Amino acid sequence: MVETDASRKCMDDNNYKKDMCTDYFLKYKNCRKFWHDIMMQRKRNGVKPEMPSAEERRKILESMEKPPPGQSLC
């Protein structure tokens, strides 16, 4: 997951000063919530597996509106 790697790299680069990585943590949190919501919806709908495959995730992200520059969608 890109957000996980970015958060860890930020912490490494900033000598583990959490306040320097707030944006990365927020992106990570939003990404986790997004995929958790997708999984819960699939579970309610009886779709297996609950977590979409890598290919399905790519298609989901491509079907969404592009974020503003400098932001990412998971």
Protein backbone atom coordinates (compact mmCIF):
# COMPACT_ATOMS: atom_id res chain seq x y z
CA MET A 1 0.00 0.00 0.00
CA VAL A 2 1.50 3.28 -1.13
CA GLU A 3 0.18 5.23 1.86
CA THR A 4 1.80 2.82 4.34
CA ASP A 5 5.18 3.09 2.63
CA ALA A 6 4.92 6.88 2.41
CA SER A 7 4.07 7.17 6.13
CA ARG A 8 7.00 4.98 7.12
CA LYS A 9 9.39 6.83 4.82
CA CYS A 10 8.26 10.17 6.23
CA MET A 11 8.89 8.94 9.76
CA ASP A 12 12.33 7.66 8.78
CA ASP A 13 13.20 10.89 6.96
CA ASN A 14 12.05 13.09 9.86
CA ASN A 15 13.67 11.21 12.73
CA TYR A 16 10.29 9.86 13.90
CA LYS A 17 8.77 13.29 14.58
CA LYS A 18 5.10 12.49 14.09
CA ASP A 19 4.05 16.11 13.68
CA MET A 20 6.12 16.27 10.48
CA CYS A 21 4.07 13.45 8.89
CA THR A 22 0.49 14.45 9.67
CA ASP A 23 -0.52 14.64 6.00
CA TYR A 24 0.81 11.14 5.34
CA PHE A 25 -1.05 9.74 8.35
CA LEU A 26 -4.29 11.38 7.21
CA LYS A 27 -3.93 9.92 3.70
CA TYR A 28 -3.27 6.49 5.21
CA LYS A 29 -6.30 6.75 7.50
CA ASN A 30 -8.56 7.88 4.64
CA CYS A 31 -7.32 5.07 2.41
CA ARG A 32 -7.92 2.42 5.07
CA LYS A 33 -11.42 3.77 5.70
CA PHE A 34 -12.17 3.80 1.97
CA TRP A 35 -11.21 0.12 1.49
CA HIS A 36 -12.87 -0.90 4.76
CA ASP A 37 -16.12 0.67 3.54
CA ILE A 38 -15.77 -1.18 0.21
CA MET A 39 -15.21 -4.47 2.07
CA MET A 40 -18.22 -3.93 4.32
CA GLN A 41 -20.45 -3.13 1.34
CA ARG A 42 -19.27 -6.26 -0.47
CA LYS A 43 -19.90 -8.31 2.68
CA ARG A 44 -23.45 -6.92 2.97
CA ASN A 45 -24.01 -7.78 -0.69
CA GLY A 46 -22.64 -11.31 -0.24
CA VAL A 47 -19.69 -10.70 -2.58
CA LYS A 48 -16.66 -12.95 -2.06
CA PRO A 49 -13.89 -12.25 -1.48
CA GLU A 50 -14.75 -9.24 0.62
CA MET A 51 -11.53 -7.44 -0.32
CA PRO A 52 -11.40 -6.79 -4.07
CA SER A 53 -8.50 -8.30 -5.99
CA ALA A 54 -5.67 -6.03 -7.10
CA GLU A 55 -7.21 -5.81 -10.56
CA GLU A 56 -10.64 -4.93 -9.13
CA ARG A 57 -9.08 -2.29 -6.87
CA ARG A 58 -7.32 -0.74 -9.85
CA LYS A 59 -10.61 -0.59 -11.77
CA ILE A 60 -12.44 0.91 -8.80
CA LEU A 61 -9.83 3.65 -8.46
CA GLU A 62 -9.81 4.32 -12.21
CA SER A 63 -13.60 4.68 -12.25
CA MET A 64 -13.50 7.40 -9.61
CA GLU A 65 -13.03 11.09 -10.21
CA LYS A 66 -9.39 12.12 -10.19
CA PRO A 67 -8.22 13.85 -6.99
CA PRO A 68 -6.72 17.34 -7.03
CA PRO A 69 -2.98 17.55 -7.81
CA GLY A 70 -0.82 16.45 -4.91
CA GLN A 71 -3.45 14.13 -3.49
CA SER A 72 -3.97 10.45 -4.08
CA LEU A 73 -6.76 7.92 -3.97
CA CYS A 74 -5.06 5.01 -2.22
